[in-house]
Structures are given as structure tokens and as C-alpha cells.
Amino acid sequence: MNSWQALMIWPENLLLSLLVLFFAAVPILYGARQAMHSLLHAMFRGISNPLRLLSRWLFKTADTLRERNKLVLLSRGSEEISHSIVKEFDRVTNLVERDLHGYPALQRKLMDEITRIEEEFQKCGEVPPPPPEWTKAVAAIAKIKPSSDGLVERILEDISNSIEEIYEKVTAEYRESSKQRHNILKNFMPFWRSVDRTLKKVDKDLTGMQQSAAKIDEQVEKYKQIHAKSEKAEHSLTSSSTILFVISLLAIMIAAGGAFVNFWLIERPMAAMVGGSEYIVGDIQASYLAAMVIILFETLMGLFLMESLGYTHLFPLNNINNRMRRWLAWISFGILLVLAGVEVALAVMRDMIISADIALKQELAGGAVTAAVTNSWALDIPKAAQMILGFTLPFALAFVAIPLEYLIHSGRTVFGALLVLGIRGLGFAMRFISSMVHQIGKGTEHLYDAVIFLPLIIERAVLNRGPRQAALPPGSSGSVAAFPKHGEHVL
């Protein structure tokens, strides 16, 4: 007989036994109602309150972390904008020193030459001088009527010849003077072209200065917003960091693809050098590890090269002088060049290993190796491609330092925002669970009251009967007892 059957009054009649046990337990449960309510309330409150406290702590932590991320973001943005402003000021300074330092002297020269040209142009535009007074006498003599007197005719002929000679001489002098003035103006044409080119260059420089000034004004406005810790500046910097993070991550993935190709390019000859059957840790072959070390060392040398050239600032090299920077750059470039040469040699060795494997397979298959196929130009193309890849991939991996720096700086902002979002989500989940536990506790209390509903109905009827009978006038019947409506409280 089972243990639960031993509790049954009539084991052969399970339903009747359960009913008897239920009605027997109801008075006990009714008597323990207050104690059970207190126990259930304390138990579920003991679960709900810590969850609510944990939710508050998570929200407070998220707010603190958000403020810290905001300070880091604004500090980074302020530093970048400061560098941009300094760069623009340096650009404007170099532009002024290189192109506009001689502008006052050029302006004075232009003004002098323009004044001279204007004077010459005014002279070229002068009208011929008026005829002298003796022309009136000549005009009066010209009015004399012709006669048969030979002396008069001779005098008139001499006067006419003299006037024609004088006229031709004056006209020739005037034309020569005009020709000289026009030659002067013609000689000014190269200078005018030079002046035009100079003015166009000055205009271009001034336009560049205006653009730089507009950029500086824009950067200064952003700097003011960052200094004021405005929401607009925060959103703008967060958006820029997110876009920069995605682009840097894409560049790193492309570099990882190049590293993968480089790895399989040198893995096979490295297996021939260090032994293809050697294992270092578990199932990792020694050739795999050697190839990875070479690729990582190339990346490290590229990182030091970019750092020494000033393109990245991942390491605190501010205390190193320029001479040491140049030495570090040349050493990194030399090691990188040596590693590129090693990869070229490994690429040639890989081609030789592949050719030897093909020849061995043909011999094992019973065929003869033909020199025409082995030495054909078609096999030289993959060899040359492998050599080119082996030389260029190490230098290509050197540039991974630039997106790596941007990925680190922007990743701080992106992961900080994601962490704040995750903490807030966890706090919301804790608050939701706390509310659910609280409601489950109330539901459990109502369920307990539903089990002992019969004594509660009797209790409610008795409590409501007494006040109603006391309120009835003498002689009235108080036999009708009404239950309180749903929602009313019994005093």
C-alpha cells in the first residue's frame, strides 16, 4: 500500500475520501488564514523587494555609466575638433605666409603701373593741336581771284607747296607719336596678363581663406556645443562614432581576409621548413603557428611604422624626439621589407613544392613527366602572382593600424552605449519580474481564500447580520440576512 493511500479513510473510494479530508481541513485552513496571508505576503515580498531594489540599482548604474560615456565622448570630440581647428589655422597661416605675404608690395606695384597706363592712354587719346595763326593769312590769300599776273600765281604756288610740306611733316610727326604710344600700350600686354594671373591666384587664395574661415567657424560652433554639453552635440558625436566604427570594422574584416590569404600562401612552405607533422598545442600544427607568427609580426611592424610616422597615436611616443622617430620608422620599414622578401622566397618555395608533388603523383600513377608541361609559361603566371602577393600583402597589412585605431576609439562609444542599453533592459526585466512576483503573491492569497470560501461566506453573513439587526426598529423582522456586495469592506 502506498503512503498516500494510507491517508485515505476509504482507500477503495478515493473521491469520497478526498471530500472528507477537504471538509476536515477547511476549518484548520480557516483558522490559519491570517497567519498564511502574512506568510505568503512576507515570502513574496521578500522576493519582490530585492528585485525592485536591484532594478533601481541597475537604472542608477546605467545613468552613471551614460554620464561617464558622455564625458568620454565629449572629451574625445573636443580633442578631435581642437586638432581640426589647429590644422585649419596652420593651413591659413601657411597660405598667408606663402602666397599673401608680398601682397602689399604687389598692390603698390599694380597701382603705379595702372597710373602709368592711364597717363599713356590719356596721351594717346589727345586730339591734334589747333592750326597756328598764319593759317588765317593763308586762307585770306587763298581767296584772291586767279589772274593773269604771273607773280601772284607764283606766290600762291610757293605758299601751297610750303603748306603741303608742313602738313606732311606735322602728320608724320603725329603718326609717329601715336605709333610710339600704341607700342607702349602693346608692351604692357604681357604685364597685364601677368597681373591677371596674379589677381586670379590672389582671388583663389582669398576664396580658400574664406572656406577655411567657414570651416573654422563651423568647428568652433561644434566646440561650443560640446563645451555646453548639449544633446545635439552628443547625438552628433555618437552617430559619427557609430558610422566610424562600422567603417573601421569593415576595413578590419577586409584586412583579415588579406591575412587569411597570406596565411595559406606561406603555410605550406612553412610546413616543409618546420615539419608538417609537428604539433604544438593539441591539434595545432607547428606550421600553422609559424605562419601566424610571421603575419602577426608583419602587422606589428606595420603598426610601429604608422605610429612612428605620426599617422596613428596608439602608443605614448610623445617623449621620443624626431630623430628617434625616424630611426624607428626606418627600422620598422626594414624589418617589414625583409619579411616581404621572406614571403617572396616562401612563395617560390611553395611553387616548387607543388611542382614536386605533381611530378611525384605522375610517377606514382605510372606516367612520364613531360618537360614541356613542367616548364610551360602557363605555370609561371601563378608563380609570379604568388610572388607579387607575397611582397605586397605585408605592406597592405601595415595599413591596418589606421582603422584599428579608429575602431578602438569608436568602439569605446559604441560598446558603452550598448552596455547602457543592456543594463537598462536588465533593470526593466527585474522590475517586470518584481511586479509579476507581487501579483502572483496577491493571486496566491486570493487562491487560498477561494479554497476556504465556505467559512468566509459564513463569517461575512454573521458579521453583516449583527449590525443590520441593531439598526432595525422594534417589532421588525431581522431574519433576512444579505451578503455584502462585491468590493464592500466589512467594518
Protein backbone atom coordinates (compact mmCIF):
# COMPACT_ATOMS: atom_id res chain seq x y z
CA MET A 1 0.00 0.00 0.00
CA ASN A 2 1.31 3.44 -0.92
CA SER A 3 1.83 6.21 1.62
CA TRP A 4 -0.89 8.40 0.14
CA GLN A 5 -3.35 5.51 0.25
CA ALA A 6 -2.66 5.14 3.98
CA LEU A 7 -4.02 8.67 4.47
CA MET A 8 -7.27 7.79 2.77
CA ILE A 9 -10.23 6.96 5.04
CA TRP A 10 -11.73 4.69 2.44
CA PRO A 11 -8.95 3.60 0.13
CA GLU A 12 -11.39 1.89 -2.16
CA ASN A 13 -13.36 5.19 -2.58
CA LEU A 14 -10.81 7.86 -3.45
CA LEU A 15 -13.27 10.68 -4.25
CA LEU A 16 -15.23 10.30 -1.04
CA SER A 17 -12.02 10.20 0.99
CA LEU A 18 -10.77 13.39 -0.62
CA LEU A 19 -14.04 15.18 0.07
CA VAL A 20 -13.99 14.15 3.72
CA LEU A 21 -10.35 15.23 4.06
CA PHE A 22 -11.11 18.54 2.34
CA PHE A 23 -14.02 19.38 4.63
CA ALA A 24 -11.92 18.32 7.60
CA ALA A 25 -9.03 20.58 6.54
CA VAL A 26 -11.19 23.64 5.79
CA PRO A 27 -11.65 24.67 9.46
CA ILE A 28 -7.91 24.28 10.02
CA LEU A 29 -7.11 26.37 6.95
CA TYR A 30 -9.68 28.96 8.04
CA GLY A 31 -8.13 29.22 11.45
CA ALA A 32 -4.66 29.69 9.91
CA ARG A 33 -5.90 32.23 7.34
CA GLN A 34 -4.25 35.33 8.88
CA ALA A 35 -1.01 33.51 9.52
CA MET A 36 -0.91 32.09 5.99
CA HIS A 37 -1.67 35.50 4.50
CA SER A 38 1.18 37.02 6.50
CA LEU A 39 3.48 34.17 5.47
CA LEU A 40 2.61 34.46 1.78
CA HIS A 41 2.88 38.25 1.90
CA ALA A 42 6.28 38.10 3.60
CA MET A 43 7.56 35.37 1.27
CA PHE A 44 6.57 37.08 -1.99
CA ARG A 45 7.57 40.49 -0.67
CA GLY A 46 10.96 39.02 0.21
CA ILE A 47 11.34 38.09 -3.45
CA SER A 48 9.78 41.22 -4.95
CA ASN A 49 11.58 43.89 -2.90
CA PRO A 50 15.16 42.71 -3.71
CA LEU A 51 14.24 42.54 -7.37
CA ARG A 52 12.88 46.09 -7.23
CA LEU A 53 16.00 47.28 -5.40
CA LEU A 54 18.15 45.53 -7.99
CA SER A 55 16.16 47.23 -10.74
CA ARG A 56 16.71 50.65 -9.16
CA TRP A 57 20.41 49.94 -8.77
CA LEU A 58 20.66 48.87 -12.42
CA PHE A 59 18.91 52.02 -13.63
CA LYS A 60 21.14 54.17 -11.44
CA THR A 61 24.22 52.34 -12.71
CA ALA A 62 23.04 52.84 -16.30
CA ASP A 63 22.61 56.58 -15.68
CA THR A 64 26.08 56.82 -14.12
CA LEU A 65 27.62 54.85 -16.96
CA ARG A 66 25.80 57.02 -19.50
CA GLU A 67 27.18 60.18 -17.89
CA ARG A 68 30.66 58.69 -17.92
CA ASN A 69 30.30 57.69 -21.56
CA LYS A 70 29.06 61.20 -22.32
CA LEU A 71 32.12 62.74 -20.66
CA VAL A 72 34.46 60.44 -22.59
CA LEU A 73 32.61 61.10 -25.84
CA LEU A 74 32.61 64.88 -25.39
CA SER A 75 36.26 64.84 -24.35
CA ARG A 76 37.21 62.83 -27.43
CA GLY A 77 35.09 65.05 -29.68
CA SER A 78 36.59 68.20 -28.12
CA GLU A 79 40.10 66.87 -28.72
CA GLU A 80 39.39 65.99 -32.35
CA ILE A 81 37.74 69.34 -33.07
CA SER A 82 40.65 71.17 -31.38
CA HIS A 83 43.08 69.34 -33.67
CA SER A 84 40.91 70.22 -36.68
CA ILE A 85 40.83 73.90 -35.69
CA VAL A 86 44.61 73.96 -35.18
CA LYS A 87 45.10 72.27 -38.55
CA GLU A 88 42.88 74.83 -40.29
CA PHE A 89 44.72 77.70 -38.60
CA ASP A 90 48.05 76.20 -39.70
CA ARG A 91 46.70 75.91 -43.23
CA VAL A 92 45.59 79.56 -43.23
CA THR A 93 48.93 80.65 -41.74
CA ASN A 94 50.90 78.76 -44.40
CA LEU A 95 48.66 80.20 -47.09
CA VAL A 96 49.23 83.74 -45.87
CA GLU A 97 52.97 83.27 -45.44
CA ARG A 98 53.42 81.56 -48.81
CA ASP A 99 51.06 83.44 -51.10
CA LEU A 100 49.91 86.67 -49.46
CA HIS A 101 53.00 87.95 -47.67
CA GLY A 102 54.00 90.05 -50.70
CA TYR A 103 50.53 91.30 -51.42
CA PRO A 104 51.14 94.93 -50.19
CA ALA A 105 54.18 95.33 -52.47
CA LEU A 106 52.26 93.75 -55.32
CA GLN A 107 49.39 96.14 -54.70
CA ARG A 108 51.69 99.18 -54.78
CA LYS A 109 53.29 97.93 -57.98
CA LEU A 110 49.90 97.39 -59.55
CA MET A 111 48.73 100.88 -58.59
CA ASP A 112 51.88 102.51 -60.04
CA GLU A 113 51.62 100.62 -63.29
CA ILE A 114 47.90 101.30 -63.59
CA THR A 115 48.55 105.02 -63.08
CA ARG A 116 51.25 104.98 -65.73
CA ILE A 117 49.00 103.14 -68.19
CA GLU A 118 46.20 105.62 -67.58
CA GLU A 119 48.53 108.55 -68.30
CA GLU A 120 49.76 106.96 -71.51
CA PHE A 121 46.24 106.12 -72.52
CA GLN A 122 45.15 109.74 -71.99
CA LYS A 123 48.04 110.93 -74.14
CA CYS A 124 47.02 108.52 -76.86
CA GLY A 125 43.55 109.98 -76.81
CA GLU A 126 44.65 113.67 -77.27
CA VAL A 127 43.39 115.48 -80.39
CA PRO A 128 45.84 117.20 -82.76
CA PRO A 129 46.83 120.74 -81.77
CA PRO A 130 44.87 123.59 -83.46
CA PRO A 131 46.36 125.23 -86.56
CA PRO A 132 48.63 128.28 -85.98
CA GLU A 133 47.60 131.91 -86.65
CA TRP A 134 49.32 132.15 -90.05
CA THR A 135 46.76 129.79 -91.44
CA LYS A 136 44.33 132.71 -91.38
CA ALA A 137 46.63 134.73 -93.60
CA VAL A 138 46.96 131.77 -95.93
CA ALA A 139 43.19 131.46 -96.03
CA ALA A 140 42.88 135.19 -96.93
CA ILE A 141 45.43 134.85 -99.72
CA ALA A 142 43.58 131.79 -100.96
CA LYS A 143 40.52 134.00 -101.51
CA ILE A 144 42.38 136.09 -104.09
CA LYS A 145 40.88 135.53 -107.51
CA PRO A 146 43.19 133.99 -110.04
CA SER A 147 44.55 136.48 -112.62
CA SER A 148 47.00 136.55 -115.41
CA ASP A 149 49.63 138.08 -113.19
CA GLY A 150 52.48 135.58 -113.05
CA LEU A 151 53.90 136.93 -109.80
CA VAL A 152 50.68 136.25 -107.90
CA GLU A 153 50.41 132.78 -109.32
CA ARG A 154 54.00 132.05 -108.35
CA ILE A 155 53.46 133.32 -104.81
CA LEU A 156 50.35 131.19 -104.43
CA GLU A 157 52.11 128.16 -105.78
CA ASP A 158 55.02 128.64 -103.34
CA ILE A 159 52.59 129.03 -100.44
CA SER A 160 50.70 125.89 -101.47
CA ASN A 161 53.88 123.86 -101.70
CA SER A 162 55.06 125.10 -98.30
CA ILE A 163 51.73 124.28 -96.69
CA GLU A 164 51.75 120.79 -98.14
CA GLU A 165 55.28 120.18 -96.87
CA ILE A 166 54.37 121.46 -93.40
CA TYR A 167 51.19 119.38 -93.36
CA GLU A 168 53.01 116.21 -94.33
CA LYS A 169 55.67 116.85 -91.70
CA VAL A 170 53.13 117.52 -88.92
CA THR A 171 51.07 114.49 -89.92
CA ALA A 172 54.16 112.27 -89.94
CA GLU A 173 55.20 113.52 -86.53
CA TYR A 174 51.71 112.94 -85.13
CA ARG A 175 51.54 109.45 -86.58
CA GLU A 176 54.96 108.63 -85.20
CA SER A 177 53.92 109.87 -81.76
CA SER A 178 50.72 107.80 -81.90
CA LYS A 179 52.69 104.77 -83.04
CA GLN A 180 55.05 105.15 -80.09
CA ARG A 181 52.14 105.41 -77.68
CA HIS A 182 50.47 102.36 -79.17
CA ASN A 183 53.75 100.45 -78.92
CA ILE A 184 53.92 101.43 -75.27
CA LEU A 185 50.43 100.08 -74.73
CA LYS A 186 51.31 96.96 -76.69
CA ASN A 187 54.33 96.37 -74.48
CA PHE A 188 52.02 96.43 -71.46
CA MET A 189 50.04 93.39 -72.67
CA PRO A 190 52.35 90.75 -71.08
CA PHE A 191 52.28 92.67 -67.85
CA TRP A 192 48.50 92.83 -67.97
CA ARG A 193 48.38 89.05 -68.46
CA SER A 194 50.74 88.57 -65.53
CA VAL A 195 48.62 90.91 -63.43
CA ASP A 196 45.51 89.00 -64.43
CA ARG A 197 47.09 85.66 -63.43
CA THR A 198 48.32 87.14 -60.16
CA LEU A 199 44.91 88.57 -59.33
CA LYS A 200 43.24 85.26 -60.16
CA LYS A 201 45.69 83.47 -57.88
CA VAL A 202 45.09 86.03 -55.13
CA ASP A 203 41.34 85.58 -55.60
CA LYS A 204 41.75 81.81 -55.36
CA ASP A 205 43.82 82.16 -52.20
CA LEU A 206 41.28 84.53 -50.68
CA THR A 207 38.49 82.09 -51.58
CA GLY A 208 40.45 79.31 -49.89
CA MET A 209 40.87 81.50 -46.85
CA GLN A 210 37.13 82.18 -46.79
CA GLN A 211 36.42 78.44 -46.98
CA SER A 212 38.92 77.78 -44.21
CA ALA A 213 37.33 80.54 -42.13
CA ALA A 214 33.90 78.96 -42.70
CA LYS A 215 35.27 75.58 -41.62
CA ILE A 216 36.85 77.17 -38.56
CA ASP A 217 33.56 78.85 -37.67
CA GLU A 218 31.74 75.54 -38.03
CA GLN A 219 34.30 73.73 -35.88
CA VAL A 220 34.18 76.49 -33.26
CA GLU A 221 30.38 76.23 -33.16
CA LYS A 222 30.68 72.46 -32.61
CA TYR A 223 33.28 73.11 -29.91
CA LYS A 224 30.89 75.50 -28.16
CA GLN A 225 28.11 72.91 -28.26
CA ILE A 226 30.45 70.27 -26.87
CA HIS A 227 31.62 72.64 -24.14
CA ALA A 228 27.96 73.32 -23.29
CA LYS A 229 27.32 69.52 -23.22
CA SER A 230 24.27 69.86 -25.43
CA GLU A 231 22.19 66.88 -26.52
CA LYS A 232 22.71 67.80 -30.18
CA ALA A 233 26.48 67.54 -29.85
CA GLU A 234 26.16 64.21 -28.02
CA HIS A 235 23.87 62.73 -30.67
CA SER A 236 26.11 64.02 -33.46
CA LEU A 237 29.26 62.56 -31.90
CA THR A 238 27.52 59.26 -31.16
CA SER A 239 26.28 58.99 -34.74
CA SER A 240 29.74 59.81 -36.10
CA SER A 241 31.36 57.26 -33.81
CA THR A 242 28.88 54.58 -34.86
CA ILE A 243 29.48 55.23 -38.56
CA LEU A 244 33.24 55.28 -37.99
CA PHE A 245 33.02 52.03 -36.02
CA VAL A 246 31.14 50.28 -38.84
CA ILE A 247 33.57 51.53 -41.50
CA SER A 248 36.61 50.59 -39.39
CA LEU A 249 35.15 47.15 -38.68
CA LEU A 250 34.59 46.63 -42.40
CA ALA A 251 38.19 47.65 -43.12
CA ILE A 252 39.45 45.27 -40.41
CA MET A 253 37.40 42.44 -41.93
CA ILE A 254 38.90 43.13 -45.35
CA ALA A 255 42.37 43.12 -43.78
CA ALA A 256 41.52 39.84 -42.05
CA GLY A 257 40.67 38.39 -45.48
CA GLY A 258 44.05 39.52 -46.77
CA ALA A 259 45.74 37.98 -43.74
CA PHE A 260 43.85 34.73 -44.39
CA VAL A 261 45.10 34.63 -48.00
CA ASN A 262 48.61 35.43 -46.78
CA PHE A 263 48.38 32.64 -44.22
CA TRP A 264 47.54 29.95 -46.78
CA LEU A 265 50.18 31.36 -49.10
CA ILE A 266 53.02 30.69 -46.65
CA GLU A 267 51.60 27.80 -44.62
CA ARG A 268 52.66 25.03 -46.99
CA PRO A 269 56.32 26.07 -47.35
CA MET A 270 56.44 26.67 -43.59
CA ALA A 271 55.27 23.08 -43.14
CA ALA A 272 58.25 21.98 -45.20
CA MET A 273 60.56 24.12 -43.06
CA VAL A 274 59.33 23.36 -39.52
CA GLY A 275 57.79 19.95 -40.20
CA GLY A 276 54.21 19.30 -41.20
CA SER A 277 53.74 16.52 -38.65
CA GLU A 278 54.82 18.59 -35.64
CA TYR A 279 52.08 19.71 -33.23
CA ILE A 280 52.44 22.41 -30.57
CA VAL A 281 49.21 22.53 -28.58
CA GLY A 282 46.59 19.89 -29.16
CA ASP A 283 45.71 19.74 -32.86
CA ILE A 284 47.54 22.96 -33.83
CA GLN A 285 50.35 22.23 -36.25
CA ALA A 286 53.69 23.96 -35.88
CA SER A 287 53.46 25.26 -39.46
CA TYR A 288 50.16 26.99 -38.68
CA LEU A 289 51.66 28.67 -35.64
CA ALA A 290 54.80 29.72 -37.55
CA ALA A 291 52.74 31.25 -40.37
CA MET A 292 50.53 33.09 -37.87
CA VAL A 293 53.59 34.43 -36.06
CA ILE A 294 55.02 35.82 -39.30
CA ILE A 295 51.71 37.52 -40.20
CA LEU A 296 51.27 38.97 -36.70
CA PHE A 297 54.88 40.18 -36.71
CA GLU A 298 54.27 41.91 -40.05
CA THR A 299 51.18 43.57 -38.62
CA LEU A 300 53.16 44.66 -35.55
CA MET A 301 55.92 46.18 -37.68
CA GLY A 302 53.28 47.98 -39.75
CA LEU A 303 51.74 49.28 -36.55
CA PHE A 304 55.10 50.65 -35.36
CA LEU A 305 55.72 52.15 -38.80
CA MET A 306 52.40 54.02 -38.83
CA GLU A 307 52.97 55.08 -35.22
CA SER A 308 56.46 56.44 -35.87
CA LEU A 309 55.26 58.31 -38.97
CA GLY A 310 52.57 60.00 -36.89
CA TYR A 311 49.55 58.55 -38.69
CA THR A 312 48.35 56.76 -35.53
CA HIS A 313 48.62 57.54 -31.82
CA LEU A 314 48.05 54.21 -30.09
CA PHE A 315 51.29 54.36 -28.08
CA PRO A 316 52.59 57.26 -25.95
CA LEU A 317 55.53 58.24 -28.15
CA ASN A 318 55.37 61.95 -27.35
CA ASN A 319 58.59 61.78 -25.33
CA ILE A 320 60.52 60.44 -28.33
CA ASN A 321 62.30 63.08 -30.39
CA ASN A 322 62.12 63.30 -34.17
CA ARG A 323 65.49 61.62 -34.65
CA MET A 324 64.40 58.55 -32.71
CA ARG A 325 61.10 58.54 -34.62
CA ARG A 326 62.96 58.45 -37.91
CA TRP A 327 65.16 55.62 -36.68
CA LEU A 328 62.11 53.69 -35.50
CA ALA A 329 60.39 54.23 -38.85
CA TRP A 330 63.42 53.05 -40.84
CA ILE A 331 63.91 50.00 -38.60
CA SER A 332 60.23 49.03 -38.87
CA PHE A 333 60.28 49.54 -42.64
CA GLY A 334 63.48 47.49 -42.94
CA ILE A 335 62.07 44.57 -40.95
CA LEU A 336 58.84 44.77 -42.97
CA LEU A 337 60.84 44.74 -46.20
CA VAL A 338 62.82 41.70 -45.02
CA LEU A 339 59.61 39.87 -44.13
CA ALA A 340 58.17 40.73 -47.55
CA GLY A 341 61.31 39.23 -49.14
CA VAL A 342 60.92 36.13 -46.97
CA GLU A 343 57.35 35.75 -48.18
CA VAL A 344 58.52 36.06 -51.80
CA ALA A 345 61.01 33.26 -51.16
CA LEU A 346 58.29 31.18 -49.48
CA ALA A 347 56.02 31.76 -52.50
CA VAL A 348 58.74 30.45 -54.83
CA MET A 349 59.29 27.53 -52.49
CA ARG A 350 55.55 26.82 -52.47
CA ASP A 351 55.51 26.67 -56.26
CA MET A 352 58.47 24.26 -56.23
CA ILE A 353 56.73 22.07 -53.65
CA ILE A 354 53.55 21.98 -55.74
CA SER A 355 55.55 21.09 -58.87
CA ALA A 356 57.36 18.33 -56.97
CA ASP A 357 54.06 16.96 -55.67
CA ILE A 358 52.59 16.91 -59.18
CA ALA A 359 55.67 15.11 -60.51
CA LEU A 360 55.53 12.58 -57.68
CA LYS A 361 51.86 11.86 -58.29
CA GLN A 362 52.51 11.38 -62.01
CA GLU A 363 55.37 8.99 -61.29
CA LEU A 364 53.26 7.03 -58.83
CA ALA A 365 50.47 6.88 -61.41
CA GLY A 366 52.89 5.35 -63.93
CA GLY A 367 53.04 8.36 -66.26
CA ALA A 368 56.07 10.25 -67.50
CA VAL A 369 56.65 13.84 -66.57
CA THR A 370 56.92 15.95 -69.70
CA ALA A 371 59.31 18.85 -69.61
CA ALA A 372 57.08 20.84 -71.92
CA VAL A 373 54.28 20.87 -69.39
CA THR A 374 56.56 21.39 -66.42
CA ASN A 375 58.34 24.34 -67.99
CA SER A 376 55.39 25.91 -69.80
CA TRP A 377 54.69 29.61 -69.46
CA ALA A 378 51.24 28.80 -68.03
CA LEU A 379 52.86 27.62 -64.80
CA ASP A 380 54.89 30.84 -64.47
CA ILE A 381 51.80 33.03 -64.13
CA PRO A 382 50.68 31.57 -60.75
CA LYS A 383 54.26 31.71 -59.58
CA ALA A 384 54.56 35.39 -60.45
CA ALA A 385 51.16 36.09 -58.86
CA GLN A 386 52.26 34.35 -55.66
CA MET A 387 55.47 36.35 -55.58
CA ILE A 388 53.59 39.63 -56.08
CA LEU A 389 51.07 38.75 -53.36
CA GLY A 390 53.87 37.68 -51.03
CA PHE A 391 55.58 41.04 -51.45
CA THR A 392 52.53 43.35 -51.36
CA LEU A 393 50.38 41.74 -48.64
CA PRO A 394 52.80 42.58 -45.77
CA PHE A 395 52.76 46.26 -46.76
CA ALA A 396 48.98 46.14 -47.16
CA LEU A 397 48.66 44.70 -43.66
CA ALA A 398 50.75 47.60 -42.35
CA PHE A 399 47.89 50.00 -43.04
CA VAL A 400 45.55 48.06 -40.76
CA ALA A 401 46.86 50.21 -37.89
CA ILE A 402 44.81 53.21 -39.08
CA PRO A 403 41.35 51.54 -38.99
CA LEU A 404 42.41 49.69 -35.84
CA GLU A 405 42.93 53.00 -34.02
CA TYR A 406 39.55 54.34 -35.15
CA LEU A 407 37.92 51.03 -34.23
CA ILE A 408 39.31 51.22 -30.69
CA HIS A 409 38.29 54.84 -30.12
CA SER A 410 34.83 54.50 -31.68
CA GLY A 411 34.29 51.07 -30.12
CA ARG A 412 34.52 52.68 -26.67
CA THR A 413 31.48 54.79 -27.50
CA VAL A 414 29.53 52.06 -29.28
CA PHE A 415 30.09 49.38 -26.64
CA GLY A 416 29.41 51.91 -23.90
CA ALA A 417 26.05 52.77 -25.46
CA LEU A 418 25.23 49.07 -25.92
CA LEU A 419 26.22 48.37 -22.30
CA VAL A 420 23.94 51.16 -21.06
CA LEU A 421 21.12 49.78 -23.19
CA GLY A 422 21.73 46.26 -21.86
CA ILE A 423 21.77 47.41 -18.24
CA ARG A 424 18.55 49.36 -18.76
CA GLY A 425 16.96 46.31 -20.36
CA LEU A 426 18.06 44.14 -17.45
CA GLY A 427 16.68 46.71 -14.99
CA PHE A 428 13.35 46.71 -16.83
CA ALA A 429 13.30 42.90 -16.71
CA MET A 430 13.99 42.95 -12.95
CA ARG A 431 11.20 45.46 -12.39
CA PHE A 432 8.82 43.40 -14.54
CA ILE A 433 9.68 40.22 -12.62
CA SER A 434 9.22 42.06 -9.33
CA SER A 435 5.76 43.23 -10.38
CA MET A 436 4.88 39.72 -11.54
CA VAL A 437 6.00 38.21 -8.22
CA HIS A 438 3.95 40.82 -6.36
CA GLN A 439 0.87 40.00 -8.42
CA ILE A 440 1.48 36.24 -8.02
CA GLY A 441 1.60 36.76 -4.24
CA LYS A 442 -1.78 38.53 -4.33
CA GLY A 443 -3.18 35.80 -6.56
CA THR A 444 -1.94 33.13 -4.15
CA GLU A 445 -3.71 34.85 -1.25
CA HIS A 446 -6.94 35.01 -3.26
CA LEU A 447 -6.50 31.36 -4.21
CA TYR A 448 -6.09 30.43 -0.55
CA ASP A 449 -9.29 32.31 0.26
CA ALA A 450 -11.05 30.54 -2.62
CA VAL A 451 -10.22 27.17 -1.01
CA ILE A 452 -11.87 28.19 2.29
CA PHE A 453 -14.71 30.11 0.64
CA LEU A 454 -17.45 28.40 2.76
CA PRO A 455 -16.23 29.61 6.19
CA LEU A 456 -15.60 33.06 4.72
CA ILE A 457 -19.18 33.25 3.44
CA ILE A 458 -20.49 32.25 6.84
CA GLU A 459 -18.23 34.77 8.55
CA ARG A 460 -19.38 37.54 6.24
CA ALA A 461 -23.03 36.65 6.79
CA VAL A 462 -22.64 36.66 10.57
CA LEU A 463 -20.75 39.96 10.61
CA ASN A 464 -23.34 41.62 8.38
CA ARG A 465 -26.32 40.21 10.34
CA GLY A 466 -25.36 41.78 13.66
CA PRO A 467 -25.22 45.44 12.53
CA ARG A 468 -28.40 45.08 10.46
CA GLN A 469 -30.38 43.69 13.43
CA ALA A 470 -29.13 46.50 15.64
CA ALA A 471 -30.29 49.05 13.08
CA LEU A 472 -33.85 47.54 12.69
CA PRO A 473 -36.75 49.14 14.73
CA PRO A 474 -38.50 47.10 17.45
CA GLY A 475 -41.01 44.62 16.11
CA SER A 476 -39.40 44.33 12.67
CA SER A 477 -38.17 41.02 11.43
CA GLY A 478 -34.47 40.60 11.14
CA SER A 479 -34.44 37.12 9.76
CA VAL A 480 -33.33 38.21 6.26
CA ALA A 481 -29.56 38.48 6.04
CA ALA A 482 -27.92 39.94 2.98
CA PHE A 483 -24.35 39.40 1.85
CA PRO A 484 -22.31 42.50 1.15
CA LYS A 485 -21.82 43.42 -2.44
CA HIS A 486 -18.58 42.69 -4.21
CA GLY A 487 -15.98 45.27 -3.29
CA GLU A 488 -17.51 46.36 0.03
CA HIS A 489 -15.39 46.21 3.16
CA VAL A 490 -16.67 44.76 6.39
CA LEU A 491 -16.11 47.06 9.35
